[in-house]
Amino acid sequence: MLKLEVTAETAARREPDMDPETRRQRIEAARRLTFPGVRIVRVDAERPLEEVIRSVKREIWSLL
């Protein structure tokens, strides 16, 4: 599982119309998500989009 992680500030910039409390709840829920027995790869989505895409592709290709 790939987990894209961002700060509340970045999420607010990317989705300015979202209710701040909803945004906070989503971020917290995503951080708490676990799936026993499943490898979770955390991706720092604060980085530039090209880097995030490259990281995600690298993880996917490593599994193929």
Protein backbone atom coordinates (compact mmCIF):
# COMPACT_ATOMS: atom_id res chain seq x y z
CA MET A 1 0.00 0.00 0.00
CA LEU A 2 1.25 3.46 -0.85
CA LYS A 3 0.39 6.15 1.64
CA LEU A 4 0.84 9.72 0.37
CA GLU A 5 1.48 12.00 3.32
CA VAL A 6 1.12 15.78 3.40
CA THR A 7 0.84 18.46 6.06
CA ALA A 8 -2.43 20.22 6.78
CA GLU A 9 -1.00 23.37 5.21
CA THR A 10 -0.25 21.61 1.93
CA ALA A 11 -3.64 19.93 1.91
CA ALA A 12 -5.27 23.35 2.44
CA ARG A 13 -3.41 24.79 -0.54
CA ARG A 14 -4.37 21.85 -2.73
CA GLU A 15 -8.02 21.73 -1.63
CA PRO A 16 -8.87 25.24 -0.42
CA ASP A 17 -12.64 24.65 -0.47
CA MET A 18 -12.51 21.71 1.93
CA ASP A 19 -13.70 22.31 5.47
CA PRO A 20 -10.60 22.59 7.73
CA GLU A 21 -12.00 20.14 10.28
CA THR A 22 -12.76 17.58 7.57
CA ARG A 23 -9.25 18.02 6.20
CA ARG A 24 -7.73 17.51 9.66
CA GLN A 25 -9.82 14.39 10.24
CA ARG A 26 -8.82 12.90 6.89
CA ILE A 27 -5.13 13.48 7.52
CA GLU A 28 -5.33 11.92 10.98
CA ALA A 29 -7.36 8.96 9.70
CA ALA A 30 -4.84 8.31 6.92
CA ARG A 31 -1.96 8.37 9.40
CA ARG A 32 -3.70 5.82 11.63
CA LEU A 33 -4.64 3.42 8.82
CA THR A 34 -3.03 0.04 9.18
CA PHE A 35 -3.50 -3.22 7.38
CA PRO A 36 -1.94 -6.15 9.25
CA GLY A 37 0.35 -8.13 7.03
CA VAL A 38 0.43 -5.46 4.33
CA ARG A 39 3.59 -3.55 3.53
CA ILE A 40 2.91 0.17 3.74
CA VAL A 41 5.21 2.55 1.92
CA ARG A 42 4.96 6.13 3.10
CA VAL A 43 5.55 8.69 0.39
CA ASP A 44 6.39 12.27 1.29
CA ALA A 45 3.94 14.08 -0.98
CA GLU A 46 5.31 17.43 0.16
CA ARG A 47 8.01 17.07 -2.47
CA PRO A 48 7.56 18.31 -6.03
CA LEU A 49 5.05 16.30 -8.04
CA GLU A 50 7.69 14.85 -10.37
CA GLU A 51 9.62 13.43 -7.39
CA VAL A 52 6.48 11.97 -5.84
CA ILE A 53 5.53 10.28 -9.10
CA ARG A 54 9.07 8.92 -9.49
CA SER A 55 8.99 7.50 -5.95
CA VAL A 56 5.62 5.87 -6.48
CA LYS A 57 6.69 4.34 -9.80
CA ARG A 58 9.91 3.04 -8.25
CA GLU A 59 7.94 1.29 -5.50
CA ILE A 60 5.49 -0.22 -7.96
CA TRP A 61 8.23 -1.47 -10.30
CA SER A 62 10.10 -3.03 -7.38
CA LEU A 63 7.11 -5.30 -6.83
CA LEU A 64 6.67 -6.41 -10.43
